């Protein structure tokens, strides 16, 4: 049975290609192996199975969804670090191990929310801090540095190296190449389309939603969806009127905006507001302009322009 939000069991859309899935496979194996080697060096008897679950879950996020908000470095380091500290403190306060484990995970979730470092594998780290047995108790507070942060740090470095050759996957998300012009960046383009950062935040607050996307990715998602929709909605001749702005729908350096200055039955005179030909004025036949124009947008110019 399927509903409008995926199947009853949560079968949501996955649009990653086969190449991305292969990179996730290779990166996950290398990153997890090296981080486990670091974690296993803590004691002669290796490591508790709970830390295996924690690192394995982090590997899924870092290599399958490198641009997700939950996968970013502060989320990974902060999430594991907060969970480890909480687990150590709660273990020393509550004598009942199962109750202490539940309280530690709950407090870790609560703190990760407020510290903006939500990272689901941190829950397993909090469990390990409470139920890890003698190996954790012997380490005491040093447990935070090694094995937790040391093993996670190794995996972060592998994620940076493995994803870097692929511009669309670069990790952290801030390393993703940006258009040369600030005006061509997703959030700036979103504002030209009539929406802004405040609108995105307001919509998320209205839905009481934690969205696992960076702001740039969310803006880019909206713009690409709008671009696709407008491809099947051509501009009509009557829409080309003085003071209306149009974009060619290009990407990065090819993106351009023109404002109509005047038109008659067969020709238009326009000003290039953005793009390779800006600032300048030009003239074209109406048919040439319609072939160039991709969609209309709200103008952003001062009263003296």
C-alpha atoms as a PDB file:
ATOM      1  CA  UNK A   1       0.000   0.000   0.000  1.00  0.00           C
ATOM      2  CA  UNK A   2       1.356   3.404  -0.983  1.00  0.00           C
ATOM      3  CA  UNK A   3       0.361   6.854   0.197  1.00  0.00           C
ATOM      4  CA  UNK A   4       1.250  10.360  -0.923  1.00  0.00           C
ATOM      5  CA  UNK A   5       4.251  10.345   1.441  1.00  0.00           C
ATOM      6  CA  UNK A   6       5.741   7.031   0.314  1.00  0.00           C
ATOM      7  CA  UNK A   7       4.655   3.522   1.181  1.00  0.00           C
ATOM      8  CA  UNK A   8       3.166   2.537   4.522  1.00  0.00           C
ATOM      9  CA  UNK A   9       6.622   1.280   5.523  1.00  0.00           C
ATOM     10  CA  UNK A  10       8.457   4.467   4.539  1.00  0.00           C
ATOM     11  CA  UNK A  11       9.633   3.675   0.993  1.00  0.00           C
ATOM     12  CA  UNK A  12      10.688   7.220   0.121  1.00  0.00           C
ATOM     13  CA  UNK A  13      12.316   8.286  -3.130  1.00  0.00           C
ATOM     14  CA  UNK A  14      16.059   7.701  -3.545  1.00  0.00           C
ATOM     15  CA  UNK A  15      17.422   9.574  -6.577  1.00  0.00           C
ATOM     16  CA  UNK A  16      21.148   8.933  -6.049  1.00  0.00           C
ATOM     17  CA  UNK A  17      22.844   7.318  -9.025  1.00  0.00           C
ATOM     18  CA  UNK A  18      24.866   4.075  -9.141  1.00  0.00           C
ATOM     19  CA  UNK A  19      28.172   5.986  -9.005  1.00  0.00           C
ATOM     20  CA  UNK A  20      27.187   7.652  -5.721  1.00  0.00           C
ATOM     21  CA  UNK A  21      26.190   4.305  -4.248  1.00  0.00           C
ATOM     22  CA  UNK A  22      29.569   2.803  -5.221  1.00  0.00           C
ATOM     23  CA  UNK A  23      31.447   5.718  -3.614  1.00  0.00           C
ATOM     24  CA  UNK A  24      29.378   5.203  -0.437  1.00  0.00           C
ATOM     25  CA  UNK A  25      30.310   1.496  -0.433  1.00  0.00           C
ATOM     26  CA  UNK A  26      34.041   2.115  -0.824  1.00  0.00           C
ATOM     27  CA  UNK A  27      34.149   5.078   1.551  1.00  0.00           C
ATOM     28  CA  UNK A  28      32.115   3.260   4.195  1.00  0.00           C
ATOM     29  CA  UNK A  29      34.442   0.259   4.171  1.00  0.00           C
ATOM     30  CA  UNK A  30      37.653   2.284   4.351  1.00  0.00           C
ATOM     31  CA  UNK A  31      36.367   4.817   6.882  1.00  0.00           C
ATOM     32  CA  UNK A  32      34.856   2.250   9.204  1.00  0.00           C
ATOM     33  CA  UNK A  33      37.847  -0.094   9.074  1.00  0.00           C
ATOM     34  CA  UNK A  34      40.343   2.633   9.992  1.00  0.00           C
ATOM     35  CA  UNK A  35      38.164   4.081  12.739  1.00  0.00           C
ATOM     36  CA  UNK A  36      37.600   0.607  14.219  1.00  0.00           C
ATOM     37  CA  UNK A  37      41.356   0.008  14.256  1.00  0.00           C
ATOM     38  CA  UNK A  38      41.734   3.206  16.277  1.00  0.00           C
ATOM     39  CA  UNK A  39      38.891   2.309  18.644  1.00  0.00           C
ATOM     40  CA  UNK A  40      40.141  -1.263  19.107  1.00  0.00           C
ATOM     41  CA  UNK A  41      43.513  -0.018  20.357  1.00  0.00           C
ATOM     42  CA  UNK A  42      41.932   1.072  23.644  1.00  0.00           C
ATOM     43  CA  UNK A  43      42.064  -2.289  25.389  1.00  0.00           C
ATOM     44  CA  UNK A  44      43.714  -5.653  24.871  1.00  0.00           C
ATOM     45  CA  UNK A  45      40.315  -7.259  24.447  1.00  0.00           C
ATOM     46  CA  UNK A  46      39.166  -4.978  21.670  1.00  0.00           C
ATOM     47  CA  UNK A  47      35.990  -2.951  21.927  1.00  0.00           C
ATOM     48  CA  UNK A  48      32.452  -3.449  23.066  1.00  0.00           C
ATOM     49  CA  UNK A  49      29.835  -4.192  20.406  1.00  0.00           C
ATOM     50  CA  UNK A  50      27.979  -0.976  21.186  1.00  0.00           C
ATOM     51  CA  UNK A  51      30.773   1.187  19.806  1.00  0.00           C
ATOM     52  CA  UNK A  52      30.626  -0.894  16.625  1.00  0.00           C
ATOM     53  CA  UNK A  53      27.005   0.146  16.193  1.00  0.00           C
ATOM     54  CA  UNK A  54      27.838   3.775  16.856  1.00  0.00           C
ATOM     55  CA  UNK A  55      30.658   3.983  14.303  1.00  0.00           C
ATOM     56  CA  UNK A  56      28.760   1.927  11.749  1.00  0.00           C
ATOM     57  CA  UNK A  57      25.823   4.310  11.882  1.00  0.00           C
ATOM     58  CA  UNK A  58      28.127   7.313  11.482  1.00  0.00           C
ATOM     59  CA  UNK A  59      29.697   5.676   8.420  1.00  0.00           C
ATOM     60  CA  UNK A  60      26.274   5.398   6.787  1.00  0.00           C
ATOM     61  CA  UNK A  61      25.636   9.116   7.267  1.00  0.00           C
ATOM     62  CA  UNK A  62      29.093  10.313   6.185  1.00  0.00           C
ATOM     63  CA  UNK A  63      29.363   8.231   3.034  1.00  0.00           C
ATOM     64  CA  UNK A  64      25.749   7.760   1.941  1.00  0.00           C
ATOM     65  CA  UNK A  65      24.517  11.283   2.735  1.00  0.00           C
ATOM     66  CA  UNK A  66      27.609  13.556   2.937  1.00  0.00           C
ATOM     67  CA  UNK A  67      25.561  16.743   2.426  1.00  0.00           C
ATOM     68  CA  UNK A  68      22.935  15.944   5.048  1.00  0.00           C
ATOM     69  CA  UNK A  69      22.759  18.296   8.013  1.00  0.00           C
ATOM     70  CA  UNK A  70      23.118  15.339  10.411  1.00  0.00           C
ATOM     71  CA  UNK A  71      26.400  14.379   8.707  1.00  0.00           C
ATOM     72  CA  UNK A  72      28.269  17.672   9.053  1.00  0.00           C
ATOM     73  CA  UNK A  73      31.419  17.801  11.241  1.00  0.00           C
ATOM     74  CA  UNK A  74      29.863  19.671  14.160  1.00  0.00           C
ATOM     75  CA  UNK A  75      26.972  17.223  14.230  1.00  0.00           C
ATOM     76  CA  UNK A  76      29.342  14.247  14.165  1.00  0.00           C
ATOM     77  CA  UNK A  77      31.911  15.488  16.682  1.00  0.00           C
ATOM     78  CA  UNK A  78      29.429  17.369  18.860  1.00  0.00           C
ATOM     79  CA  UNK A  79      26.871  14.569  18.797  1.00  0.00           C
ATOM     80  CA  UNK A  80      29.319  11.863  19.814  1.00  0.00           C
ATOM     81  CA  UNK A  81      31.094  14.140  22.304  1.00  0.00           C
ATOM     82  CA  UNK A  82      27.915  15.275  24.060  1.00  0.00           C
ATOM     83  CA  UNK A  83      26.622  11.710  24.211  1.00  0.00           C
ATOM     84  CA  UNK A  84      29.885  10.423  25.673  1.00  0.00           C
ATOM     85  CA  UNK A  85      29.995  13.088  28.394  1.00  0.00           C
ATOM     86  CA  UNK A  86      26.353  12.561  29.308  1.00  0.00           C
ATOM     87  CA  UNK A  87      26.819   8.796  29.423  1.00  0.00           C
ATOM     88  CA  UNK A  88      29.824   9.043  31.741  1.00  0.00           C
ATOM     89  CA  UNK A  89      28.063  11.420  34.132  1.00  0.00           C
ATOM     90  CA  UNK A  90      24.779   9.500  34.250  1.00  0.00           C
ATOM     91  CA  UNK A  91      26.571   6.170  34.777  1.00  0.00           C
ATOM     92  CA  UNK A  92      28.202   7.573  37.919  1.00  0.00           C
ATOM     93  CA  UNK A  93      24.922   8.991  39.262  1.00  0.00           C
ATOM     94  CA  UNK A  94      22.386   6.226  38.618  1.00  0.00           C
ATOM     95  CA  UNK A  95      23.229   2.774  39.983  1.00  0.00           C
ATOM     96  CA  UNK A  96      20.680   0.930  37.800  1.00  0.00           C
ATOM     97  CA  UNK A  97      22.492   0.340  34.454  1.00  0.00           C
ATOM     98  CA  UNK A  98      19.417  -0.036  32.236  1.00  0.00           C
ATOM     99  CA  UNK A  99      17.725   3.028  33.709  1.00  0.00           C
ATOM    100  CA  UNK A 100      20.996   4.950  33.432  1.00  0.00           C
ATOM    101  CA  UNK A 101      21.302   3.956  29.764  1.00  0.00           C
ATOM    102  CA  UNK A 102      17.785   5.169  28.965  1.00  0.00           C
ATOM    103  CA  UNK A 103      18.290   8.453  30.829  1.00  0.00           C
ATOM    104  CA  UNK A 104      21.661   9.027  29.141  1.00  0.00           C
ATOM    105  CA  UNK A 105      20.228   8.594  25.654  1.00  0.00           C
ATOM    106  CA  UNK A 106      17.260  10.823  26.418  1.00  0.00           C
ATOM    107  CA  UNK A 107      19.449  13.592  27.837  1.00  0.00           C
ATOM    108  CA  UNK A 108      21.864  13.276  24.916  1.00  0.00           C
ATOM    109  CA  UNK A 109      19.025  13.755  22.422  1.00  0.00           C
ATOM    110  CA  UNK A 110      17.761  16.778  24.342  1.00  0.00           C
ATOM    111  CA  UNK A 111      21.201  18.408  24.522  1.00  0.00           C
ATOM    112  CA  UNK A 112      22.041  17.651  20.879  1.00  0.00           C
ATOM    113  CA  UNK A 113      18.879  19.484  19.848  1.00  0.00           C
ATOM    114  CA  UNK A 114      19.803  22.627  21.765  1.00  0.00           C
ATOM    115  CA  UNK A 115      23.476  22.518  20.789  1.00  0.00           C
ATOM    116  CA  UNK A 116      22.506  22.013  17.132  1.00  0.00           C
ATOM    117  CA  UNK A 117      24.602  18.862  16.809  1.00  0.00           C
ATOM    118  CA  UNK A 118      21.891  16.233  16.352  1.00  0.00           C
ATOM    119  CA  UNK A 119      23.569  12.996  15.242  1.00  0.00           C
ATOM    120  CA  UNK A 120      21.606   9.731  15.666  1.00  0.00           C
ATOM    121  CA  UNK A 121      24.667   7.490  16.229  1.00  0.00           C
ATOM    122  CA  UNK A 122      25.323   9.552  19.355  1.00  0.00           C
ATOM    123  CA  UNK A 123      22.571   7.523  20.988  1.00  0.00           C
ATOM    124  CA  UNK A 124      24.694   4.390  20.679  1.00  0.00           C
ATOM    125  CA  UNK A 125      27.691   6.280  22.091  1.00  0.00           C
ATOM    126  CA  UNK A 126      25.660   7.247  25.160  1.00  0.00           C
ATOM    127  CA  UNK A 127      24.641   3.603  25.570  1.00  0.00           C
ATOM    128  CA  UNK A 128      28.249   2.481  25.274  1.00  0.00           C
ATOM    129  CA  UNK A 129      29.364   4.994  27.894  1.00  0.00           C
ATOM    130  CA  UNK A 130      26.894   3.461  30.368  1.00  0.00           C
ATOM    131  CA  UNK A 131      26.969  -0.228  29.423  1.00  0.00           C
ATOM    132  CA  UNK A 132      30.506  -0.563  28.074  1.00  0.00           C
ATOM    133  CA  UNK A 133      31.698  -2.296  31.218  1.00  0.00           C
ATOM    134  CA  UNK A 134      35.206  -2.306  32.630  1.00  0.00           C
ATOM    135  CA  UNK A 135      36.844  -0.940  29.479  1.00  0.00           C
ATOM    136  CA  UNK A 136      34.908   2.313  29.828  1.00  0.00           C
ATOM    137  CA  UNK A 137      35.217   2.548  33.604  1.00  0.00           C
ATOM    138  CA  UNK A 138      39.002   2.148  33.457  1.00  0.00           C
ATOM    139  CA  UNK A 139      39.311   4.979  30.955  1.00  0.00           C
ATOM    140  CA  UNK A 140      37.137   7.366  32.945  1.00  0.00           C
ATOM    141  CA  UNK A 141      36.907  10.849  31.375  1.00  0.00           C
ATOM    142  CA  UNK A 142      39.598   9.918  28.818  1.00  0.00           C
ATOM    143  CA  UNK A 143      36.943   7.773  27.161  1.00  0.00           C
ATOM    144  CA  UNK A 144      35.723  10.978  25.464  1.00  0.00           C
ATOM    145  CA  UNK A 145      39.037  11.548  23.699  1.00  0.00           C
ATOM    146  CA  UNK A 146      39.892   7.926  22.983  1.00  0.00           C
ATOM    147  CA  UNK A 147      38.164   5.937  21.583  1.00  0.00           C
ATOM    148  CA  UNK A 148      35.209   8.245  20.879  1.00  0.00           C
ATOM    149  CA  UNK A 149      36.633  11.421  19.325  1.00  0.00           C
ATOM    150  CA  UNK A 150      39.802   9.765  18.011  1.00  0.00           C
ATOM    151  CA  UNK A 151      37.942   7.093  16.025  1.00  0.00           C
ATOM    152  CA  UNK A 152      35.291   9.537  14.825  1.00  0.00           C
ATOM    153  CA  UNK A 153      37.991  12.013  13.820  1.00  0.00           C
ATOM    154  CA  UNK A 154      39.681   9.381  11.641  1.00  0.00           C
ATOM    155  CA  UNK A 155      36.392   8.675   9.894  1.00  0.00           C
ATOM    156  CA  UNK A 156      35.850  12.390   9.283  1.00  0.00           C
ATOM    157  CA  UNK A 157      39.263  12.658   7.603  1.00  0.00           C
ATOM    158  CA  UNK A 158      38.486   9.672   5.385  1.00  0.00           C
ATOM    159  CA  UNK A 159      35.141  11.245   4.452  1.00  0.00           C
ATOM    160  CA  UNK A 160      36.901  14.459   3.403  1.00  0.00           C
ATOM    161  CA  UNK A 161      39.472  12.560   1.300  1.00  0.00           C
ATOM    162  CA  UNK A 162      37.079  10.061  -0.312  1.00  0.00           C
ATOM    163  CA  UNK A 163      34.454  12.661  -1.262  1.00  0.00           C
ATOM    164  CA  UNK A 164      36.786  15.470  -2.344  1.00  0.00           C
ATOM    165  CA  UNK A 165      37.456  14.271  -5.938  1.00  0.00           C
ATOM    166  CA  UNK A 166      33.717  14.497  -6.651  1.00  0.00           C
ATOM    167  CA  UNK A 167      32.555  18.165  -6.521  1.00  0.00           C
ATOM    168  CA  UNK A 168      28.906  17.249  -5.994  1.00  0.00           C
ATOM    169  CA  UNK A 169      29.818  15.120  -2.941  1.00  0.00           C
ATOM    170  CA  UNK A 170      32.524  17.199  -1.268  1.00  0.00           C
ATOM    171  CA  UNK A 171      32.528  16.941   2.507  1.00  0.00           C
ATOM    172  CA  UNK A 172      31.835  18.964   4.550  1.00  0.00           C
ATOM    173  CA  UNK A 173      29.073  20.577   2.521  1.00  0.00           C
ATOM    174  CA  UNK A 174      30.829  23.952   2.788  1.00  0.00           C
ATOM    175  CA  UNK A 175      33.545  22.628   0.420  1.00  0.00           C
ATOM    176  CA  UNK A 176      31.042  22.258  -2.419  1.00  0.00           C
ATOM    177  CA  UNK A 177      32.153  24.646  -5.179  1.00  0.00           C
ATOM    178  CA  UNK A 178      30.099  27.850  -5.211  1.00  0.00           C
ATOM    179  CA  UNK A 179      29.340  29.912  -8.313  1.00  0.00           C
ATOM    180  CA  UNK A 180      31.894  32.663  -8.846  1.00  0.00           C
ATOM    181  CA  UNK A 181      29.274  35.369  -8.489  1.00  0.00           C
ATOM    182  CA  UNK A 182      27.502  35.658  -5.096  1.00  0.00           C
ATOM    183  CA  UNK A 183      24.344  36.549  -7.004  1.00  0.00           C
ATOM    184  CA  UNK A 184      24.320  33.076  -8.562  1.00  0.00           C
ATOM    185  CA  UNK A 185      24.398  31.171  -5.274  1.00  0.00           C
ATOM    186  CA  UNK A 186      21.284  29.202  -4.304  1.00  0.00           C
ATOM    187  CA  UNK A 187      20.026  31.427  -1.490  1.00  0.00           C
ATOM    188  CA  UNK A 188      20.573  34.573  -3.575  1.00  0.00           C
ATOM    189  CA  UNK A 189      18.784  32.969  -6.512  1.00  0.00           C
ATOM    190  CA  UNK A 190      15.965  31.946  -4.193  1.00  0.00           C
ATOM    191  CA  UNK A 191      15.518  35.569  -3.115  1.00  0.00           C
ATOM    192  CA  UNK A 192      15.319  36.655  -6.738  1.00  0.00           C
ATOM    193  CA  UNK A 193      12.573  34.070  -7.198  1.00  0.00           C
ATOM    194  CA  UNK A 194      10.568  35.796  -4.453  1.00  0.00           C
ATOM    195  CA  UNK A 195      11.572  33.735  -1.408  1.00  0.00           C
ATOM    196  CA  UNK A 196      14.266  34.180   1.218  1.00  0.00           C
ATOM    197  CA  UNK A 197      15.993  32.442   4.110  1.00  0.00           C
ATOM    198  CA  UNK A 198      13.339  33.790   6.489  1.00  0.00           C
ATOM    199  CA  UNK A 199      10.603  32.145   4.418  1.00  0.00           C
ATOM    200  CA  UNK A 200      12.330  28.773   4.621  1.00  0.00           C
ATOM    201  CA  UNK A 201      12.799  29.081   8.378  1.00  0.00           C
ATOM    202  CA  UNK A 202       9.186  30.191   8.859  1.00  0.00           C
ATOM    203  CA  UNK A 203       7.857  27.218   6.873  1.00  0.00           C
ATOM    204  CA  UNK A 204       9.995  24.791   8.887  1.00  0.00           C
ATOM    205  CA  UNK A 205       8.844  26.315  12.183  1.00  0.00           C
ATOM    206  CA  UNK A 206       5.219  26.062  11.075  1.00  0.00           C
ATOM    207  CA  UNK A 207       5.766  22.361  10.401  1.00  0.00           C
ATOM    208  CA  UNK A 208       7.848  21.948  13.606  1.00  0.00           C
ATOM    209  CA  UNK A 209      10.331  20.214  11.343  1.00  0.00           C
ATOM    210  CA  UNK A 210      13.977  19.168  11.523  1.00  0.00           C
ATOM    211  CA  UNK A 211      14.981  18.952   7.891  1.00  0.00           C
ATOM    212  CA  UNK A 212      18.128  16.972   7.122  1.00  0.00           C
ATOM    213  CA  UNK A 213      19.240  19.358   4.352  1.00  0.00           C
ATOM    214  CA  UNK A 214      21.560  22.332   4.376  1.00  0.00           C
ATOM    215  CA  UNK A 215      19.981  25.684   3.515  1.00  0.00           C
ATOM    216  CA  UNK A 216      21.809  25.800   0.175  1.00  0.00           C
ATOM    217  CA  UNK A 217      20.610  22.310  -0.739  1.00  0.00           C
ATOM    218  CA  UNK A 218      17.043  23.194   0.202  1.00  0.00           C
ATOM    219  CA  UNK A 219      17.197  26.366  -1.912  1.00  0.00           C
ATOM    220  CA  UNK A 220      18.747  24.451  -4.806  1.00  0.00           C
ATOM    221  CA  UNK A 221      16.054  21.761  -4.549  1.00  0.00           C
ATOM    222  CA  UNK A 222      13.299  24.373  -4.803  1.00  0.00           C
ATOM    223  CA  UNK A 223      14.957  26.175  -7.715  1.00  0.00           C
ATOM    224  CA  UNK A 224      15.572  22.980  -9.696  1.00  0.00           C
ATOM    225  CA  UNK A 225      11.974  21.873  -9.154  1.00  0.00           C
ATOM    226  CA  UNK A 226      10.723  25.278 -10.269  1.00  0.00           C
ATOM    227  CA  UNK A 227      13.071  25.219 -13.260  1.00  0.00           C
ATOM    228  CA  UNK A 228      11.728  21.817 -14.315  1.00  0.00           C
ATOM    229  CA  UNK A 229       8.132  22.968 -13.909  1.00  0.00           C
ATOM    230  CA  UNK A 230       8.691  26.101 -15.972  1.00  0.00           C
ATOM    231  CA  UNK A 231      10.201  24.145 -18.843  1.00  0.00           C
ATOM    232  CA  UNK A 232       6.719  22.936 -19.665  1.00  0.00           C
ATOM    233  CA  UNK A 233       5.189  26.410 -19.216  1.00  0.00           C
ATOM    234  CA  UNK A 234       6.551  28.610 -22.052  1.00  0.00           C
ATOM    235  CA  UNK A 235       6.369  32.391 -21.827  1.00  0.00           C
ATOM    236  CA  UNK A 236       3.617  33.892 -23.955  1.00  0.00           C
ATOM    237  CA  UNK A 237       4.122  36.991 -26.116  1.00  0.00           C
ATOM    238  CA  UNK A 238       1.750  39.075 -23.997  1.00  0.00           C
ATOM    239  CA  UNK A 239       3.922  38.510 -20.906  1.00  0.00           C
ATOM    240  CA  UNK A 240       6.829  40.461 -22.417  1.00  0.00           C
ATOM    241  CA  UNK A 241       6.051  43.962 -21.173  1.00  0.00           C
ATOM    242  CA  UNK A 242       8.142  46.979 -20.069  1.00  0.00           C
ATOM    243  CA  UNK A 243       9.730  46.683 -16.591  1.00  0.00           C
ATOM    244  CA  UNK A 244       9.245  42.916 -16.428  1.00  0.00           C
ATOM    245  CA  UNK A 245      12.435  40.917 -15.752  1.00  0.00           C
ATOM    246  CA  UNK A 246      13.267  37.585 -17.337  1.00  0.00           C
ATOM    247  CA  UNK A 247      16.001  35.030 -16.752  1.00  0.00           C
ATOM    248  CA  UNK A 248      17.461  32.587 -19.241  1.00  0.00           C
ATOM    249  CA  UNK A 249      17.451  29.861 -16.561  1.00  0.00           C
ATOM    250  CA  UNK A 250      21.175  29.245 -17.071  1.00  0.00           C
ATOM    251  CA  UNK A 251      23.505  27.828 -14.450  1.00  0.00           C
ATOM    252  CA  UNK A 252      26.461  29.489 -12.777  1.00  0.00           C
ATOM    253  CA  UNK A 253      28.323  31.799 -15.199  1.00  0.00           C
ATOM    254  CA  UNK A 254      25.667  31.378 -17.918  1.00  0.00           C
ATOM    255  CA  UNK A 255      22.875  32.734 -15.730  1.00  0.00           C
ATOM    256  CA  UNK A 256      21.535  36.084 -16.985  1.00  0.00           C
ATOM    257  CA  UNK A 257      18.686  38.507 -16.276  1.00  0.00           C
ATOM    258  CA  UNK A 258      17.184  41.081 -18.625  1.00  0.00           C
ATOM    259  CA  UNK A 259      14.634  43.820 -17.908  1.00  0.00           C
ATOM    260  CA  UNK A 260      12.351  44.944 -20.707  1.00  0.00           C
ATOM    261  CA  UNK A 261      12.702  48.669 -21.428  1.00  0.00           C
ATOM    262  CA  UNK A 262      10.257  48.865 -24.352  1.00  0.00           C
ATOM    263  CA  UNK A 263       8.620  46.720 -26.987  1.00  0.00           C
ATOM    264  CA  UNK A 264       6.536  46.960 -30.114  1.00  0.00           C
ATOM    265  CA  UNK A 265       4.845  44.244 -32.126  1.00  0.00           C
ATOM    266  CA  UNK A 266       8.086  42.739 -33.412  1.00  0.00           C
ATOM    267  CA  UNK A 267      11.027  43.956 -31.274  1.00  0.00           C
ATOM    268  CA  UNK A 268      12.070  44.486 -27.686  1.00  0.00           C
ATOM    269  CA  UNK A 269      14.694  46.724 -26.114  1.00  0.00           C
ATOM    270  CA  UNK A 270      16.143  45.384 -22.861  1.00  0.00           C
ATOM    271  CA  UNK A 271      18.778  46.025 -20.223  1.00  0.00           C
ATOM    272  CA  UNK A 272      21.102  43.265 -19.073  1.00  0.00           C
ATOM    273  CA  UNK A 273      20.920  43.318 -15.271  1.00  0.00           C
ATOM    274  CA  UNK A 274      23.070  40.243 -14.676  1.00  0.00           C
ATOM    275  CA  UNK A 275      25.119  37.821 -16.702  1.00  0.00           C
ATOM    276  CA  UNK A 276      28.071  37.970 -19.088  1.00  0.00           C
ATOM    277  CA  UNK A 277      26.690  40.985 -20.982  1.00  0.00           C
ATOM    278  CA  UNK A 278      25.772  43.103 -17.947  1.00  0.00           C
ATOM    279  CA  UNK A 279      25.617  46.018 -17.675  1.00  0.00           C
ATOM    280  CA  UNK A 280      24.493  46.891 -21.181  1.00  0.00           C
ATOM    281  CA  UNK A 281      21.424  47.359 -23.331  1.00  0.00           C
ATOM    282  CA  UNK A 282      20.353  45.299 -26.304  1.00  0.00           C
ATOM    283  CA  UNK A 283      17.682  44.873 -28.946  1.00  0.00           C
ATOM    284  CA  UNK A 284      16.155  41.689 -30.326  1.00  0.00           C
ATOM    285  CA  UNK A 285      13.122  40.475 -32.193  1.00  0.00           C
ATOM    286  CA  UNK A 286      10.304  39.317 -29.998  1.00  0.00           C
ATOM    287  CA  UNK A 287      10.774  35.753 -31.202  1.00  0.00           C
ATOM    288  CA  UNK A 288      14.492  35.860 -30.396  1.00  0.00           C
ATOM    289  CA  UNK A 289      13.758  37.159 -26.919  1.00  0.00           C
ATOM    290  CA  UNK A 290      11.117  34.470 -26.270  1.00  0.00           C
ATOM    291  CA  UNK A 291      13.601  31.817 -27.380  1.00  0.00           C
ATOM    292  CA  UNK A 292      16.155  33.228 -24.900  1.00  0.00           C
ATOM    293  CA  UNK A 293      13.797  33.803 -21.937  1.00  0.00           C
ATOM    294  CA  UNK A 294      13.180  30.907 -19.589  1.00  0.00           C
ATOM    295  CA  UNK A 295      11.017  32.455 -16.888  1.00  0.00           C
ATOM    296  CA  UNK A 296       9.899  35.789 -15.461  1.00  0.00           C
ATOM    297  CA  UNK A 297      11.014  37.005 -12.052  1.00  0.00           C
ATOM    298  CA  UNK A 298      10.609  39.951  -9.752  1.00  0.00           C
ATOM    299  CA  UNK A 299      12.981  42.821 -10.572  1.00  0.00           C
ATOM    300  CA  UNK A 300      15.525  44.012  -8.031  1.00  0.00           C
ATOM    301  CA  UNK A 301      16.742  47.437  -9.031  1.00  0.00           C
ATOM    302  CA  UNK A 302      16.831  50.864  -7.476  1.00  0.00           C
ATOM    303  CA  UNK A 303      14.663  53.791  -8.506  1.00  0.00           C
ATOM    304  CA  UNK A 304      17.576  55.432 -10.359  1.00  0.00           C
ATOM    305  CA  UNK A 305      18.328  52.433 -12.565  1.00  0.00           C
END
